[in-house]
PDB file of N, CA and C in Angstrom:
ATOM      1  N   UNK A   1    -118.697 -12.122  53.658  1.00  0.00           N
ATOM      2  CA  UNK A   1    -118.234 -13.158  52.739  1.00  0.00           C
ATOM      3  C   UNK A   1    -117.027 -12.570  51.940  1.00  0.00           C
ATOM      4  N   UNK A   2    -115.931 -13.269  52.010  1.00  0.00           N
ATOM      5  CA  UNK A   2    -114.761 -12.817  51.266  1.00  0.00           C
ATOM      6  C   UNK A   2    -114.593 -13.567  49.990  1.00  0.00           C
ATOM      7  N   UNK A   3    -114.460 -12.850  48.908  1.00  0.00           N
ATOM      8  CA  UNK A   3    -114.219 -13.474  47.574  1.00  0.00           C
ATOM      9  C   UNK A   3    -112.729 -13.328  47.283  1.00  0.00           C
ATOM     10  N   UNK A   4    -112.197 -14.346  46.603  1.00  0.00           N
ATOM     11  CA  UNK A   4    -110.799 -14.313  46.180  1.00  0.00           C
ATOM     12  C   UNK A   4    -110.847 -14.108  44.683  1.00  0.00           C
ATOM     13  N   UNK A   5    -110.137 -13.106  44.219  1.00  0.00           N
ATOM     14  CA  UNK A   5    -110.091 -12.771  42.792  1.00  0.00           C
ATOM     15  C   UNK A   5    -108.773 -13.308  42.196  1.00  0.00           C
ATOM     16  N   UNK A   6    -108.944 -14.027  41.097  1.00  0.00           N
ATOM     17  CA  UNK A   6    -107.756 -14.529  40.353  1.00  0.00           C
ATOM     18  C   UNK A   6    -107.896 -14.142  38.878  1.00  0.00           C
ATOM     19  N   UNK A   7    -106.788 -13.863  38.213  1.00  0.00           N
ATOM     20  CA  UNK A   7    -106.780 -13.407  36.826  1.00  0.00           C
ATOM     21  C   UNK A   7    -106.310 -14.578  35.894  1.00  0.00           C
ATOM     22  N   UNK A   8    -106.919 -14.673  34.763  1.00  0.00           N
ATOM     23  CA  UNK A   8    -106.589 -15.691  33.766  1.00  0.00           C
ATOM     24  C   UNK A   8    -106.645 -15.057  32.368  1.00  0.00           C
ATOM     25  N   UNK A   9    -106.042 -15.747  31.426  1.00  0.00           N
ATOM     26  CA  UNK A   9    -106.237 -15.362  30.045  1.00  0.00           C
ATOM     27  C   UNK A   9    -107.016 -16.446  29.365  1.00  0.00           C
ATOM     28  N   UNK A  10    -108.178 -16.103  28.853  1.00  0.00           N
ATOM     29  CA  UNK A  10    -109.073 -17.003  28.164  1.00  0.00           C
ATOM     30  C   UNK A  10    -109.291 -16.510  26.749  1.00  0.00           C
ATOM     31  N   UNK A  11    -109.065 -17.388  25.782  1.00  0.00           N
ATOM     32  CA  UNK A  11    -109.221 -17.036  24.357  1.00  0.00           C
ATOM     33  C   UNK A  11    -108.473 -15.756  24.014  1.00  0.00           C
ATOM     34  N   UNK A  12    -107.287 -15.579  24.648  1.00  0.00           N
ATOM     35  CA  UNK A  12    -106.463 -14.404  24.356  1.00  0.00           C
ATOM     36  C   UNK A  12    -106.863 -13.146  25.084  1.00  0.00           C
ATOM     37  N   UNK A  13    -107.896 -13.223  25.977  1.00  0.00           N
ATOM     38  CA  UNK A  13    -108.347 -12.020  26.692  1.00  0.00           C
ATOM     39  C   UNK A  13    -108.180 -12.229  28.159  1.00  0.00           C
ATOM     40  N   UNK A  14    -107.590 -11.199  28.843  1.00  0.00           N
ATOM     41  CA  UNK A  14    -107.466 -11.328  30.270  1.00  0.00           C
ATOM     42  C   UNK A  14    -108.813 -11.098  30.968  1.00  0.00           C
ATOM     43  N   UNK A  15    -109.053 -11.924  31.958  1.00  0.00           N
ATOM     44  CA  UNK A  15    -110.279 -11.796  32.765  1.00  0.00           C
ATOM     45  C   UNK A  15    -109.973 -12.097  34.216  1.00  0.00           C
ATOM     46  N   UNK A  16    -110.716 -11.540  35.093  1.00  0.00           N
ATOM     47  CA  UNK A  16    -110.629 -11.872  36.540  1.00  0.00           C
ATOM     48  C   UNK A  16    -111.877 -12.524  36.973  1.00  0.00           C
ATOM     49  N   UNK A  17    -111.712 -13.487  37.850  1.00  0.00           N
ATOM     50  CA  UNK A  17    -112.865 -14.230  38.405  1.00  0.00           C
ATOM     51  C   UNK A  17    -112.814 -14.173  39.881  1.00  0.00           C
ATOM     52  N   UNK A  18    -113.877 -13.767  40.552  1.00  0.00           N
ATOM     53  CA  UNK A  18    -113.985 -13.698  41.991  1.00  0.00           C
ATOM     54  C   UNK A  18    -114.888 -14.762  42.479  1.00  0.00           C
ATOM     55  N   UNK A  19    -114.361 -15.631  43.312  1.00  0.00           N
ATOM     56  CA  UNK A  19    -115.117 -16.757  43.899  1.00  0.00           C
ATOM     57  C   UNK A  19    -114.818 -16.920  45.363  1.00  0.00           C
ATOM     58  N   UNK A  20    -115.679 -17.591  46.047  1.00  0.00           N
ATOM     59  CA  UNK A  20    -115.466 -17.916  47.464  1.00  0.00           C
ATOM     60  C   UNK A  20    -114.315 -18.881  47.571  1.00  0.00           C
ATOM     61  N   UNK A  21    -113.532 -18.869  48.663  1.00  0.00           N
ATOM     62  CA  UNK A  21    -112.417 -19.767  48.800  1.00  0.00           C
ATOM     63  C   UNK A  21    -112.777 -21.252  48.601  1.00  0.00           C
ATOM     64  N   UNK A  22    -113.961 -21.623  49.068  1.00  0.00           N
ATOM     65  CA  UNK A  22    -114.355 -23.023  48.921  1.00  0.00           C
ATOM     66  C   UNK A  22    -114.484 -23.484  47.457  1.00  0.00           C
ATOM     67  N   UNK A  23    -114.934 -22.561  46.618  1.00  0.00           N
ATOM     68  CA  UNK A  23    -115.035 -22.883  45.169  1.00  0.00           C
ATOM     69  C   UNK A  23    -113.632 -23.003  44.532  1.00  0.00           C
ATOM     70  N   UNK A  24    -112.741 -22.090  44.955  1.00  0.00           N
ATOM     71  CA  UNK A  24    -111.368 -22.219  44.408  1.00  0.00           C
ATOM     72  C   UNK A  24    -110.755 -23.544  44.816  1.00  0.00           C
ATOM     73  N   UNK A  25    -111.023 -23.992  46.077  1.00  0.00           N
ATOM     74  CA  UNK A  25    -110.452 -25.244  46.545  1.00  0.00           C
ATOM     75  C   UNK A  25    -111.084 -26.403  45.746  1.00  0.00           C
ATOM     76  N   UNK A  26    -112.386 -26.427  45.581  1.00  0.00           N
ATOM     77  CA  UNK A  26    -113.044 -27.434  44.857  1.00  0.00           C
ATOM     78  C   UNK A  26    -112.565 -27.499  43.396  1.00  0.00           C
ATOM     79  N   UNK A  27    -112.395 -26.319  42.789  1.00  0.00           N
ATOM     80  CA  UNK A  27    -111.965 -26.258  41.384  1.00  0.00           C
ATOM     81  C   UNK A  27    -110.558 -26.757  41.231  1.00  0.00           C
ATOM     82  N   UNK A  28    -109.677 -26.456  42.242  1.00  0.00           N
ATOM     83  CA  UNK A  28    -108.340 -26.993  42.221  1.00  0.00           C
ATOM     84  C   UNK A  28    -108.290 -28.517  42.275  1.00  0.00           C
ATOM     85  N   UNK A  29    -109.192 -29.078  43.172  1.00  0.00           N
ATOM     86  CA  UNK A  29    -109.259 -30.535  43.265  1.00  0.00           C
ATOM     87  C   UNK A  29    -109.761 -31.178  41.974  1.00  0.00           C
ATOM     88  N   UNK A  30    -110.734 -30.533  41.356  1.00  0.00           N
ATOM     89  CA  UNK A  30    -111.283 -31.048  40.134  1.00  0.00           C
ATOM     90  C   UNK A  30    -110.256 -31.020  39.005  1.00  0.00           C
ATOM     91  N   UNK A  31    -109.499 -29.947  38.935  1.00  0.00           N
ATOM     92  CA  UNK A  31    -108.401 -29.842  37.951  1.00  0.00           C
ATOM     93  C   UNK A  31    -107.409 -30.957  38.149  1.00  0.00           C
ATOM     94  N   UNK A  32    -106.984 -31.169  39.387  1.00  0.00           N
ATOM     95  CA  UNK A  32    -106.024 -32.202  39.713  1.00  0.00           C
ATOM     96  C   UNK A  32    -106.578 -33.603  39.389  1.00  0.00           C
ATOM     97  N   UNK A  33    -107.818 -33.810  39.701  1.00  0.00           N
ATOM     98  CA  UNK A  33    -108.446 -35.139  39.403  1.00  0.00           C
ATOM     99  C   UNK A  33    -108.481 -35.443  37.929  1.00  0.00           C
ATOM    100  N   UNK A  34    -108.591 -34.402  37.095  1.00  0.00           N
ATOM    101  CA  UNK A  34    -108.699 -34.576  35.664  1.00  0.00           C
ATOM    102  C   UNK A  34    -107.322 -34.421  35.005  1.00  0.00           C
ATOM    103  N   UNK A  35    -106.267 -34.374  35.810  1.00  0.00           N
ATOM    104  CA  UNK A  35    -104.899 -34.176  35.228  1.00  0.00           C
ATOM    105  C   UNK A  35    -104.823 -32.965  34.391  1.00  0.00           C
ATOM    106  N   UNK A  36    -105.464 -31.902  34.821  1.00  0.00           N
ATOM    107  CA  UNK A  36    -105.532 -30.648  34.025  1.00  0.00           C
ATOM    108  C   UNK A  36    -104.992 -29.513  34.926  1.00  0.00           C
ATOM    109  N   UNK A  37    -104.672 -28.444  34.288  1.00  0.00           N
ATOM    110  CA  UNK A  37    -104.316 -27.212  35.065  1.00  0.00           C
ATOM    111  C   UNK A  37    -105.599 -26.399  35.354  1.00  0.00           C
ATOM    112  N   UNK A  38    -105.508 -25.566  36.322  1.00  0.00           N
ATOM    113  CA  UNK A  38    -106.659 -24.728  36.639  1.00  0.00           C
ATOM    114  C   UNK A  38    -107.061 -23.799  35.448  1.00  0.00           C
ATOM    115  N   UNK A  39    -106.114 -23.180  34.763  1.00  0.00           N
ATOM    116  CA  UNK A  39    -106.490 -22.397  33.608  1.00  0.00           C
ATOM    117  C   UNK A  39    -107.150 -23.228  32.483  1.00  0.00           C
ATOM    118  N   UNK A  40    -106.679 -24.417  32.267  1.00  0.00           N
ATOM    119  CA  UNK A  40    -107.296 -25.310  31.246  1.00  0.00           C
ATOM    120  C   UNK A  40    -108.753 -25.670  31.639  1.00  0.00           C
ATOM    121  N   UNK A  41    -108.946 -25.998  32.897  1.00  0.00           N
ATOM    122  CA  UNK A  41    -110.280 -26.392  33.355  1.00  0.00           C
ATOM    123  C   UNK A  41    -111.208 -25.154  33.240  1.00  0.00           C
ATOM    124  N   UNK A  42    -110.747 -24.023  33.637  1.00  0.00           N
ATOM    125  CA  UNK A  42    -111.608 -22.809  33.548  1.00  0.00           C
ATOM    126  C   UNK A  42    -111.896 -22.513  32.078  1.00  0.00           C
ATOM    127  N   UNK A  43    -110.920 -22.677  31.205  1.00  0.00           N
ATOM    128  CA  UNK A  43    -111.169 -22.493  29.794  1.00  0.00           C
ATOM    129  C   UNK A  43    -112.250 -23.409  29.244  1.00  0.00           C
ATOM    130  N   UNK A  44    -112.228 -24.675  29.678  1.00  0.00           N
ATOM    131  CA  UNK A  44    -113.215 -25.634  29.270  1.00  0.00           C
ATOM    132  C   UNK A  44    -114.589 -25.262  29.748  1.00  0.00           C
ATOM    133  N   UNK A  45    -114.671 -24.836  31.005  1.00  0.00           N
ATOM    134  CA  UNK A  45    -115.970 -24.341  31.566  1.00  0.00           C
ATOM    135  C   UNK A  45    -116.466 -23.116  30.789  1.00  0.00           C
ATOM    136  N   UNK A  46    -115.557 -22.243  30.433  1.00  0.00           N
ATOM    137  CA  UNK A  46    -115.906 -21.085  29.706  1.00  0.00           C
ATOM    138  C   UNK A  46    -116.506 -21.402  28.324  1.00  0.00           C
ATOM    139  N   UNK A  47    -115.892 -22.379  27.693  1.00  0.00           N
ATOM    140  CA  UNK A  47    -116.330 -22.771  26.325  1.00  0.00           C
ATOM    141  C   UNK A  47    -117.765 -23.420  26.381  1.00  0.00           C
ATOM    142  N   UNK A  48    -118.169 -23.966  27.461  1.00  0.00           N
ATOM    143  CA  UNK A  48    -119.405 -24.711  27.618  1.00  0.00           C
ATOM    144  C   UNK A  48    -120.490 -23.996  28.436  1.00  0.00           C
ATOM    145  N   UNK A  49    -120.290 -22.725  28.709  1.00  0.00           N
ATOM    146  CA  UNK A  49    -121.172 -22.110  29.685  1.00  0.00           C
ATOM    147  C   UNK A  49    -122.452 -21.430  29.108  1.00  0.00           C
ATOM    148  N   UNK A  50    -122.657 -21.418  27.849  1.00  0.00           N
ATOM    149  CA  UNK A  50    -123.814 -20.784  27.188  1.00  0.00           C
ATOM    150  C   UNK A  50    -123.815 -19.275  27.554  1.00  0.00           C
ATOM    151  N   UNK A  51    -124.935 -18.816  28.041  1.00  0.00           N
ATOM    152  CA  UNK A  51    -125.083 -17.378  28.338  1.00  0.00           C
ATOM    153  C   UNK A  51    -124.907 -17.100  29.851  1.00  0.00           C
ATOM    154  N   UNK A  52    -124.523 -18.105  30.631  1.00  0.00           N
ATOM    155  CA  UNK A  52    -124.351 -17.902  32.050  1.00  0.00           C
ATOM    156  C   UNK A  52    -123.053 -17.156  32.297  1.00  0.00           C
ATOM    157  N   UNK A  53    -123.027 -16.262  33.307  1.00  0.00           N
ATOM    158  CA  UNK A  53    -121.778 -15.588  33.705  1.00  0.00           C
ATOM    159  C   UNK A  53    -120.714 -16.642  34.093  1.00  0.00           C
ATOM    160  N   UNK A  54    -119.466 -16.359  33.803  1.00  0.00           N
ATOM    161  CA  UNK A  54    -118.416 -17.352  34.045  1.00  0.00           C
ATOM    162  C   UNK A  54    -118.318 -17.756  35.495  1.00  0.00           C
ATOM    163  N   UNK A  55    -118.371 -16.838  36.444  1.00  0.00           N
ATOM    164  CA  UNK A  55    -118.307 -17.216  37.860  1.00  0.00           C
ATOM    165  C   UNK A  55    -119.452 -18.138  38.211  1.00  0.00           C
ATOM    166  N   UNK A  56    -120.647 -17.917  37.710  1.00  0.00           N
ATOM    167  CA  UNK A  56    -121.808 -18.780  38.027  1.00  0.00           C
ATOM    168  C   UNK A  56    -121.598 -20.145  37.370  1.00  0.00           C
ATOM    169  N   UNK A  57    -121.045 -20.178  36.144  1.00  0.00           N
ATOM    170  CA  UNK A  57    -120.815 -21.450  35.505  1.00  0.00           C
ATOM    171  C   UNK A  57    -119.815 -22.287  36.266  1.00  0.00           C
ATOM    172  N   UNK A  58    -118.785 -21.631  36.839  1.00  0.00           N
ATOM    173  CA  UNK A  58    -117.785 -22.325  37.620  1.00  0.00           C
ATOM    174  C   UNK A  58    -118.418 -22.905  38.876  1.00  0.00           C
ATOM    175  N   UNK A  59    -119.227 -22.087  39.566  1.00  0.00           N
ATOM    176  CA  UNK A  59    -119.923 -22.616  40.760  1.00  0.00           C
ATOM    177  C   UNK A  59    -120.809 -23.809  40.445  1.00  0.00           C
ATOM    178  N   UNK A  60    -121.543 -23.718  39.375  1.00  0.00           N
ATOM    179  CA  UNK A  60    -122.429 -24.868  38.976  1.00  0.00           C
ATOM    180  C   UNK A  60    -121.570 -26.081  38.677  1.00  0.00           C
ATOM    181  N   UNK A  61    -120.488 -25.871  37.939  1.00  0.00           N
ATOM    182  CA  UNK A  61    -119.576 -26.964  37.601  1.00  0.00           C
ATOM    183  C   UNK A  61    -119.071 -27.622  38.871  1.00  0.00           C
ATOM    184  N   UNK A  62    -118.658 -26.860  39.844  1.00  0.00           N
ATOM    185  CA  UNK A  62    -118.164 -27.393  41.071  1.00  0.00           C
ATOM    186  C   UNK A  62    -119.205 -28.181  41.839  1.00  0.00           C
ATOM    187  N   UNK A  63    -120.419 -27.682  41.842  1.00  0.00           N
ATOM    188  CA  UNK A  63    -121.552 -28.311  42.536  1.00  0.00           C
ATOM    189  C   UNK A  63    -121.987 -29.617  41.861  1.00  0.00           C
ATOM    190  N   UNK A  64    -121.846 -29.716  40.597  1.00  0.00           N
ATOM    191  CA  UNK A  64    -122.385 -30.868  39.857  1.00  0.00           C
ATOM    192  C   UNK A  64    -121.298 -31.897  39.575  1.00  0.00           C
ATOM    193  N   UNK A  65    -120.017 -31.571  39.775  1.00  0.00           N
ATOM    194  CA  UNK A  65    -118.903 -32.494  39.549  1.00  0.00           C
ATOM    195  C   UNK A  65    -118.780 -33.462  40.758  1.00  0.00           C
ATOM    196  N   UNK A  66    -118.195 -34.567  40.433  1.00  0.00           N
ATOM    197  CA  UNK A  66    -117.953 -35.543  41.541  1.00  0.00           C
ATOM    198  C   UNK A  66    -116.537 -35.355  42.075  1.00  0.00           C
ATOM    199  N   UNK A  67    -116.449 -35.023  43.331  1.00  0.00           N
ATOM    200  CA  UNK A  67    -115.137 -34.855  43.972  1.00  0.00           C
ATOM    201  C   UNK A  67    -114.964 -36.053  44.881  1.00  0.00           C
ATOM    202  N   UNK A  68    -113.781 -36.636  44.780  1.00  0.00           N
ATOM    203  CA  UNK A  68    -113.483 -37.831  45.596  1.00  0.00           C
ATOM    204  C   UNK A  68    -112.937 -37.422  46.931  1.00  0.00           C
TER     205      UNK A  68
END
C-alpha cells in the first residue's frame, strides 16, 4: 500500500499528512464541492478532530461526507 505524503501549515505549524491516494482524491472532491481549498478543508477537519490523529480524522471525514 503506497501512501502519498503532503505538507501543510496548520495554525502556523508545518505538518505532513500521509494518506492513500483514494483519500487524497476524495478530499480534493470534497474541497471542490464546498468551494474551499484543500488546506482550508484540512484546517477545518483539524479544528474539529478532538483527540483523534489528523490522518484518521481525515479518513473518517471522507468516509462520512457525501460525495456526488
